[in-house]
């Protein structure tokens, strides 16, 4: 295992230093966990009959998308303008949510999910 060293910054914040190899291992582990969580979530919803199954290619697309909203909007063949009209949410705000710049309120995410025929969980 790579050595990890604790340090204190000049302003008193406790930090750690680690090798690039250890950092990359942690990033890979986090990505693997995210992939597993998405697969498990999908499996549970498919088993419950509440989610449409995705193809392997679609799962890869979802994982590569900047946000789940970007994936689902594209999958539903909707433009941001069409989604804005369907939800009553300003296109600029949808763009900010889709790019990950803003989280969107629960009410806004519900409107988006309804228009895309998915659950709010699918967007977060």
Protein backbone atom coordinates (compact mmCIF):
# COMPACT_ATOMS: atom_id res chain seq x y z
CA UNK A 1 0.00 0.00 0.00
CA UNK A 2 1.23 3.48 -0.83
CA UNK A 3 2.25 5.79 1.95
CA UNK A 4 -0.15 8.57 2.90
CA UNK A 5 1.15 11.52 4.90
CA UNK A 6 -0.90 13.91 7.04
CA UNK A 7 0.07 17.58 7.05
CA UNK A 8 -1.34 20.81 8.43
CA UNK A 9 -1.75 23.74 6.06
CA UNK A 10 -0.61 27.24 7.04
CA UNK A 11 -4.22 28.10 8.00
CA UNK A 12 -4.49 25.03 10.26
CA UNK A 13 -6.48 22.78 7.93
CA UNK A 14 -5.57 19.11 8.24
CA UNK A 15 -4.69 17.59 4.85
CA UNK A 16 -3.19 14.43 3.40
CA UNK A 17 -0.56 13.92 0.75
CA UNK A 18 -0.69 10.77 -1.32
CA UNK A 19 1.03 9.40 -4.38
CA UNK A 20 -0.47 9.81 -7.83
CA UNK A 21 -0.88 6.02 -7.97
CA UNK A 22 -2.89 6.02 -4.73
CA UNK A 23 -4.97 8.98 -5.92
CA UNK A 24 -5.76 7.21 -9.21
CA UNK A 25 -6.65 4.01 -7.29
CA UNK A 26 -9.11 5.99 -5.15
CA UNK A 27 -10.66 7.66 -8.20
CA UNK A 28 -11.05 4.28 -9.93
CA UNK A 29 -12.63 2.78 -6.81
CA UNK A 30 -15.09 5.69 -6.60
CA UNK A 31 -16.02 5.27 -10.26
CA UNK A 32 -16.49 1.52 -9.78
CA UNK A 33 -18.75 2.20 -6.79
CA UNK A 34 -20.82 4.70 -8.80
CA UNK A 35 -21.17 2.19 -11.63
CA UNK A 36 -22.23 -0.53 -9.18
CA UNK A 37 -24.77 1.74 -7.51
CA UNK A 38 -26.31 2.69 -10.87
CA UNK A 39 -26.49 -0.96 -11.92
CA UNK A 40 -28.04 -2.03 -8.59
CA UNK A 41 -30.58 0.80 -8.69
CA UNK A 42 -31.58 -0.17 -12.23
CA UNK A 43 -31.82 -3.86 -11.33
CA UNK A 44 -34.13 -3.12 -8.36
CA UNK A 45 -36.40 -0.89 -10.46
CA UNK A 46 -36.53 -3.38 -13.34
CA UNK A 47 -37.40 -6.16 -10.87
CA UNK A 48 -40.16 -3.94 -9.44
CA UNK A 49 -41.42 -3.12 -12.93
CA UNK A 50 -40.95 0.62 -12.39
CA UNK A 51 -38.09 1.25 -14.80
CA UNK A 52 -37.50 0.56 -18.42
CA UNK A 53 -34.41 -1.56 -18.97
CA UNK A 54 -31.42 0.11 -20.60
CA UNK A 55 -29.16 -1.55 -23.10
CA UNK A 56 -25.47 -1.96 -22.34
CA UNK A 57 -24.73 0.88 -24.77
CA UNK A 58 -27.26 3.13 -23.01
CA UNK A 59 -25.73 2.39 -19.61
CA UNK A 60 -22.34 3.38 -21.02
CA UNK A 61 -23.90 6.57 -22.43
CA UNK A 62 -25.50 7.36 -19.07
CA UNK A 63 -22.20 6.92 -17.25
CA UNK A 64 -20.42 9.12 -19.79
CA UNK A 65 -23.06 11.89 -19.70
CA UNK A 66 -22.29 15.03 -17.70
CA UNK A 67 -25.55 14.60 -15.78
CA UNK A 68 -28.44 12.12 -15.79
CA UNK A 69 -30.65 14.88 -17.23
CA UNK A 70 -28.38 15.15 -20.28
CA UNK A 71 -28.71 11.40 -20.88
CA UNK A 72 -32.49 11.19 -20.40
CA UNK A 73 -33.27 14.27 -22.49
CA UNK A 74 -31.21 12.86 -25.34
CA UNK A 75 -32.77 9.39 -24.91
CA UNK A 76 -36.23 10.95 -25.17
CA UNK A 77 -35.12 12.90 -28.29
CA UNK A 78 -36.11 16.22 -26.71
CA UNK A 79 -34.43 19.54 -27.23
CA UNK A 80 -33.94 21.82 -24.26
CA UNK A 81 -36.53 24.14 -25.82
CA UNK A 82 -39.08 21.31 -26.03
CA UNK A 83 -38.37 20.26 -22.45
CA UNK A 84 -38.68 23.88 -21.31
CA UNK A 85 -42.09 24.12 -23.00
CA UNK A 86 -43.23 20.80 -21.52
CA UNK A 87 -42.18 21.74 -17.99
CA UNK A 88 -42.67 25.50 -17.85
CA UNK A 89 -39.04 25.79 -16.70
CA UNK A 90 -36.86 28.40 -18.40
CA UNK A 91 -34.52 26.89 -20.98
CA UNK A 92 -31.55 28.71 -19.47
CA UNK A 93 -32.25 27.15 -16.06
CA UNK A 94 -32.64 23.70 -17.66
CA UNK A 95 -29.27 24.22 -19.32
CA UNK A 96 -27.68 25.05 -15.97
CA UNK A 97 -29.20 21.95 -14.35
CA UNK A 98 -28.16 19.76 -17.28
CA UNK A 99 -24.59 21.04 -17.20
CA UNK A 100 -24.36 20.50 -13.43
CA UNK A 101 -24.02 24.21 -12.64
CA UNK A 102 -27.22 24.27 -10.57
CA UNK A 103 -29.01 21.45 -8.73
CA UNK A 104 -32.63 22.46 -9.39
CA UNK A 105 -35.33 22.43 -6.75
CA UNK A 106 -37.31 19.31 -5.89
CA UNK A 107 -40.37 20.80 -7.62
CA UNK A 108 -38.38 21.57 -10.78
CA UNK A 109 -36.83 18.09 -10.86
CA UNK A 110 -40.32 16.58 -10.48
CA UNK A 111 -41.59 18.57 -13.48
CA UNK A 112 -38.58 17.46 -15.53
CA UNK A 113 -38.92 13.82 -14.46
CA UNK A 114 -42.63 13.80 -15.33
CA UNK A 115 -41.96 15.29 -18.78
CA UNK A 116 -39.24 12.70 -19.45
CA UNK A 117 -41.38 9.83 -18.02
CA UNK A 118 -38.79 8.91 -15.40
CA UNK A 119 -38.50 9.23 -11.63
CA UNK A 120 -36.77 12.06 -9.78
CA UNK A 121 -34.31 9.41 -8.55
CA UNK A 122 -33.28 8.90 -12.17
CA UNK A 123 -32.19 12.55 -12.29
CA UNK A 124 -30.08 12.54 -9.12
